[in-house]
Protein backbone atom coordinates (compact mmCIF):
# COMPACT_ATOMS: atom_id res chain seq x y z
CA GLY A 1 16.53 47.75 -34.42
CA ILE A 2 15.62 49.51 -31.49
CA ASN A 3 19.34 50.60 -30.56
CA ALA A 4 19.46 52.21 -34.03
CA GLU A 5 15.89 54.44 -33.16
CA TYR A 6 17.34 55.61 -29.81
CA GLY A 7 20.63 57.03 -31.35
CA ALA A 8 18.75 58.52 -34.59
CA THR A 9 16.59 60.01 -31.98
CA ILE A 10 19.43 61.49 -29.89
CA PHE A 11 21.34 62.58 -32.84
CA PHE A 12 18.52 64.49 -34.57
CA LEU A 13 16.42 65.44 -30.93
CA GLY A 14 19.54 66.28 -29.21
CA PRO A 15 20.03 69.62 -30.04
CA VAL A 16 16.15 70.52 -29.17
CA PHE A 17 16.26 69.28 -25.92
CA SER A 18 19.76 70.98 -25.16
CA PHE A 19 17.85 74.18 -24.85
CA MET A 20 15.42 72.88 -21.88
CA PRO A 21 16.26 73.73 -18.41
CA ARG A 22 17.40 71.59 -16.16
CA VAL A 23 14.65 71.30 -13.58
CA VAL A 24 12.95 70.20 -16.49
CA GLY A 25 15.00 66.75 -17.27
CA SER A 26 15.11 66.38 -13.88
CA ALA A 27 11.84 66.36 -13.42
CA ILE A 28 11.29 64.09 -16.19
CA ILE A 29 13.70 61.98 -14.42
CA VAL A 30 11.65 62.06 -11.05
CA VAL A 31 8.64 60.97 -12.80
CA ALA A 32 9.84 58.34 -14.59
CA ALA A 33 11.84 56.59 -11.39
CA LEU A 34 8.11 56.89 -9.47
CA GLY A 35 7.04 54.32 -11.98
CA LEU A 36 9.66 52.23 -10.91
CA PHE A 37 8.68 52.53 -7.17
CA GLU A 38 5.91 49.94 -6.80
CA VAL A 39 4.45 51.16 -3.13
CA HIS A 40 1.65 48.15 -3.42
CA ASP A 41 4.88 45.47 -3.17
CA VAL A 42 6.03 47.54 0.03
CA ILE A 43 2.41 47.69 1.57
CA PHE A 44 1.78 43.93 0.71
CA LEU A 45 4.96 43.10 2.50
CA TRP A 46 3.94 45.22 5.69
CA LYS A 47 0.84 42.97 5.56
CA LEU A 48 2.87 39.96 5.29
CA ARG A 49 5.10 41.20 8.51
CA ALA A 50 8.28 40.69 6.23
CA TYR A 51 10.07 42.90 8.01
CA SER A 52 13.75 41.50 6.80
CA SER A 53 12.11 41.60 2.95
CA ILE A 54 11.20 45.60 3.66
CA ALA A 55 14.68 46.19 5.20
CA LEU A 56 16.75 44.82 2.25
CA PHE A 57 14.14 46.67 0.07
CA SER A 58 15.16 49.65 2.09
CA PHE A 59 18.62 49.22 2.14
CA THR A 60 18.91 48.29 -1.72
CA PHE A 61 16.84 51.98 -2.33
CA VAL A 62 19.07 53.95 -0.01
CA SER A 63 22.28 52.68 -1.58
CA THR A 64 21.65 52.92 -4.94
CA VAL A 65 20.54 56.47 -4.21
CA TRP A 66 23.92 57.30 -2.30
CA ALA A 67 26.80 54.77 -4.25
CA GLY A 68 24.95 54.48 -7.82
CA VAL A 69 23.16 51.89 -9.35
CA GLU A 70 25.78 49.30 -9.83
CA ILE A 71 27.08 49.41 -6.14
CA GLY A 72 23.36 49.38 -4.87
CA ILE A 73 22.56 46.39 -7.08
CA MET A 74 25.60 44.66 -5.88
CA LEU A 75 25.00 44.87 -2.69
CA SER A 76 21.81 43.89 -2.48
CA LEU A 77 22.60 40.90 -4.69
CA VAL A 78 25.56 39.87 -1.57
CA ILE A 79 23.20 40.44 0.98
CA SER A 80 20.26 38.29 -0.79
CA LEU A 81 23.00 35.57 -1.29
CA PHE A 82 24.05 35.78 2.64
CA LEU A 83 20.29 35.25 3.65
CA VAL A 84 19.91 32.08 0.74
CA LEU A 85 22.82 30.61 2.40
CA LYS A 86 21.63 31.13 6.26
CA ARG A 87 18.41 29.92 5.56
CA VAL A 88 19.30 26.99 3.87
CA SER A 89 21.96 25.81 6.21
CA VAL A 90 19.92 25.27 8.68
CA PRO A 91 16.96 23.15 8.05
CA HIS A 92 13.58 22.99 9.49
CA VAL A 93 13.44 20.23 12.44
CA ASP A 94 10.02 19.69 14.47
CA ALA A 95 10.20 18.02 17.68
CA LEU A 96 7.30 15.53 18.25
CA GLY A 97 4.65 14.56 20.56
CA ARG A 98 2.26 12.28 21.29
CA LEU A 99 -1.54 13.55 21.52
CA TYR A 100 -4.58 11.45 21.98
CA ALA A 101 -7.55 12.37 20.08
CA THR A 102 -11.19 11.99 21.37
CA ASP A 103 -12.05 8.98 19.00
CA LYS A 104 -9.06 7.24 20.48
CA THR A 105 -6.54 7.62 18.02
CA VAL A 106 -2.76 8.40 18.48
CA HIS A 107 -1.33 11.65 17.02
CA TYR A 108 2.10 12.97 16.49
CA LYS A 109 1.71 16.85 16.33
CA SER A 110 4.94 19.46 16.52
CA LEU A 111 5.35 20.40 20.10
CA GLU A 112 5.93 24.05 19.02
CA HIS A 113 2.53 24.22 17.44
CA TYR A 114 0.93 21.90 19.62
CA PRO A 115 2.16 22.39 23.46
CA VAL A 116 -0.27 20.39 24.71
CA ALA A 117 1.14 17.15 22.87
CA ALA A 118 3.25 14.75 25.28
CA VAL A 119 6.65 13.77 25.34
CA VAL A 120 7.38 9.73 25.07
CA PRO A 121 9.41 9.32 27.80
CA GLY A 122 12.92 8.48 27.22
CA VAL A 123 12.10 9.43 22.77
CA ALA A 124 13.15 12.32 21.21
CA ILE A 125 11.04 12.48 17.67
CA LEU A 126 12.38 14.83 15.53
CA ARG A 127 10.67 15.49 11.43
CA LEU A 128 12.88 16.93 9.17
CA ALA A 129 11.51 18.53 5.95
CA ASP A 130 14.56 19.70 3.88
CA PRO A 131 17.14 18.18 1.56
CA LEU A 132 20.17 16.92 3.51
CA PHE A 133 23.60 18.07 2.25
CA PHE A 134 26.94 19.13 3.46
CA GLY A 135 25.86 22.81 4.31
CA ASN A 136 23.36 21.56 7.18
CA ILE A 137 24.01 18.20 8.32
CA ASN A 138 26.13 19.57 11.09
CA ALA A 139 23.19 21.75 12.16
CA VAL A 140 21.54 18.75 12.26
CA ARG A 141 23.93 16.83 14.30
CA SER A 142 24.20 20.16 16.63
CA GLN A 143 20.22 19.96 17.23
CA LEU A 144 20.13 16.28 17.87
CA LYS A 145 22.94 16.60 20.74
CA ARG A 146 20.85 19.50 21.77
CA ILE A 147 17.92 17.79 22.48
CA GLU A 148 19.47 14.66 23.53
CA GLU A 149 21.19 16.97 26.40
CA TYR A 150 18.48 19.62 27.20
CA GLY A 151 15.56 18.03 25.81
CA ALA A 152 14.57 20.89 23.17
CA LEU A 153 15.44 21.56 20.40
CA HIS A 154 15.61 25.77 21.37
CA ALA A 155 17.09 24.89 25.32
CA HIS A 156 19.53 27.36 25.12
CA PRO A 157 23.58 26.06 26.95
CA SER A 158 23.04 28.02 29.75
CA GLU A 159 19.90 25.60 30.96
CA ALA A 160 20.19 22.56 33.02
CA GLN A 161 20.83 19.60 31.47
CA MET A 162 18.13 16.72 31.43
CA SER A 163 18.18 14.29 34.46
CA LYS A 164 16.79 11.40 32.16
CA SER A 165 18.48 10.55 29.24
CA ILE A 166 17.05 9.53 25.86
CA HIS A 167 17.26 6.04 25.22
CA THR A 168 15.83 6.56 21.43
CA VAL A 169 15.47 8.50 18.81
CA ILE A 170 13.12 8.67 15.53
CA LEU A 171 13.85 10.76 12.78
CA HIS A 172 10.62 11.36 10.72
CA VAL A 173 12.13 11.63 7.08
CA ALA A 174 9.02 11.53 4.79
CA ASN A 175 9.91 15.26 3.70
CA VAL A 176 13.81 14.47 3.06
CA PRO A 177 13.61 14.58 -0.99
CA SER A 178 17.53 14.13 -1.64
CA ILE A 179 20.57 13.70 0.66
CA ASP A 180 24.56 13.77 -0.47
CA PRO A 181 27.57 11.76 0.17
CA SER A 182 28.26 14.30 2.65
CA ALA A 183 25.05 13.87 5.19
CA LEU A 184 25.13 10.53 4.54
CA ALA A 185 28.50 10.07 6.03
CA THR A 186 27.65 12.06 9.03
CA LEU A 187 24.39 10.26 9.42
CA SER A 188 26.52 7.11 9.24
CA GLU A 189 28.91 8.67 12.02
CA ILE A 190 25.75 9.68 14.28
CA ALA A 191 24.24 6.16 13.68
CA ALA A 192 27.79 4.48 15.05
CA ASP A 193 27.72 6.62 17.96
CA TYR A 194 24.60 5.86 18.63
CA GLN A 195 24.93 2.24 18.44
CA GLN A 196 27.85 2.51 20.87
CA ARG A 197 26.54 4.70 23.50
CA GLY A 198 23.10 2.38 23.33
CA ILE A 199 20.79 4.76 22.16
CA LYS A 200 18.53 3.47 19.34
CA LEU A 201 18.28 5.19 16.11
CA LEU A 202 14.91 4.78 14.30
CA PHE A 203 14.01 6.20 10.79
CA VAL A 204 10.22 6.67 9.85
CA LYS A 205 8.71 6.93 6.25
CA VAL A 206 11.76 6.71 4.29
CA GLN A 207 11.39 7.13 0.58
CA ASP A 208 12.42 4.32 -1.51
CA LYS A 209 15.59 5.92 -2.68
CA ILE A 210 16.77 6.98 0.72
CA LYS A 211 16.59 3.65 1.68
CA ARG A 212 19.09 2.65 -0.92
CA LEU A 213 21.30 5.33 -0.27
CA PHE A 214 21.06 4.65 3.15
CA LEU A 215 21.98 0.72 2.80
CA GLU A 216 24.85 1.72 0.28
CA ALA A 217 26.20 4.16 2.79
CA GLY A 218 25.56 2.02 5.92
CA VAL A 219 23.68 4.03 7.22
CA ILE A 220 21.50 0.96 8.48
CA SER A 221 23.63 -1.68 9.07
CA PRO A 222 25.23 -0.67 12.31
CA LEU A 223 21.75 -0.39 13.91
CA GLY A 224 20.96 -3.82 13.29
CA GLY A 225 17.53 -5.47 14.03
CA VAL A 226 14.54 -3.38 12.61
CA CYS A 227 14.98 0.21 12.50
CA VAL A 228 12.85 1.55 9.66
CA PHE A 229 8.89 1.79 9.82
CA PRO A 230 6.16 3.28 8.15
CA SER A 231 4.65 5.44 10.79
CA THR A 232 5.78 7.21 14.15
CA HIS A 233 3.25 5.25 15.79
CA ASP A 234 5.08 1.82 14.67
CA ALA A 235 8.13 2.82 15.79
CA VAL A 236 7.12 4.22 19.15
CA GLU A 237 5.22 0.79 19.69
CA SER A 238 8.25 -1.37 18.43
CA LEU A 239 9.69 -0.27 21.94
CA THR A 240 7.38 -2.39 23.79
CA GLY A 241 7.38 -5.22 21.41
CA ARG A 242 3.71 -4.59 19.76
CA VAL A 243 4.58 -3.77 16.13
CA SER A 244 4.23 -6.29 12.98
CA ARG A 245 5.47 -4.66 10.38
CA LEU A 246 9.03 -4.92 9.64
CA TYR A 247 11.89 -3.48 7.14
CA SER A 248 14.64 -5.61 7.81
CA SER A 249 18.13 -3.85 7.51
CA HIS A 250 20.09 -6.46 5.35
CA HIS A 251 16.88 -6.51 2.65
CA ARG A 252 16.09 -3.74 -0.13
CA ARG A 253 12.50 -4.44 0.21
CA PHE A 254 9.86 -2.99 2.73
CA LEU A 255 7.46 -5.69 3.85
CA PRO A 256 4.09 -4.25 5.40
CA THR A 257 1.42 -6.60 6.69
CA ALA A 258 -2.06 -6.35 5.43
CA GLU A 259 -3.27 -3.85 7.56
CA SER A 260 -0.27 -1.48 7.06
CA ALA A 261 -1.09 -0.46 3.28
CA ASP A 262 -3.96 1.65 4.45
CA ASN A 263 -1.93 3.66 6.76
CA ASP A 264 1.42 4.35 4.79
CA ASN A 265 -0.32 7.47 3.24
CA ASP A 266 -0.83 9.31 6.22
CA ASP A 267 -0.78 13.13 6.35
CA ASP A 268 3.14 13.81 7.57
CA ASP A 269 1.74 16.57 9.54
CA ASP A 270 -0.46 14.17 10.98
CA ASP A 271 0.74 10.86 11.33
CA LYS A 272 -1.89 8.76 13.54
CA GLN A 273 -2.77 4.92 14.21
CA SER A 274 -5.62 3.64 16.41
CA ALA A 275 -4.64 3.31 19.83
CA VAL A 276 -4.79 0.04 21.67
């Protein structure tokens, strides 16, 4: 096969190249190596401002030249693995605020992207957008604690704590595709802690498979009453008793009214409802 052809080439043509000056052999190696250096990829990363990827690219190149191919590749693999673990251990969480549109509909938008959105007094609305597992559930707990104490996800511990306490936490989990037993156990502890301290914990747009896990793990049971809703607006309105859609924590089926069926497919980034 290919190895035999390479072996035959080296065996028969090796003596011929033995008389070739080293500078010529070096030039051949440099030309071949330049073909592996894809400049357009670097330009593409620079346009995207992917400075971390450029830094990793440069480190891999320098370490390979300085320490050898094997060591350079191993170092780049270790750093890449570290970056992946760092990213998956910090789930994407958005704090949502209420925004009234000109057509009298209520939208719930990210406070980071829509600073004009208003925070519902005494209510923390958070949207989770990643799978929950043992590696990132403690980060979710820390973010819940931070927003409860400081009123913002990115608040620094040196900042003054909130003067008014939060009485309700709403978790929008439509974009949570899976959850492992460790995360379920932690959520159950959070729910029990909230129940003891008189804080309501409500869930929005829970997928059917996640609902089943919540029921089996006892995440919903300590809360009691209605704690799962088809939209963020319904969860907020439930605090004033003006909601007609129910999901009982003791049943496995979601029971929407006739008018709720049209709103179940609201875009996750644009959870809206007509203002009352």
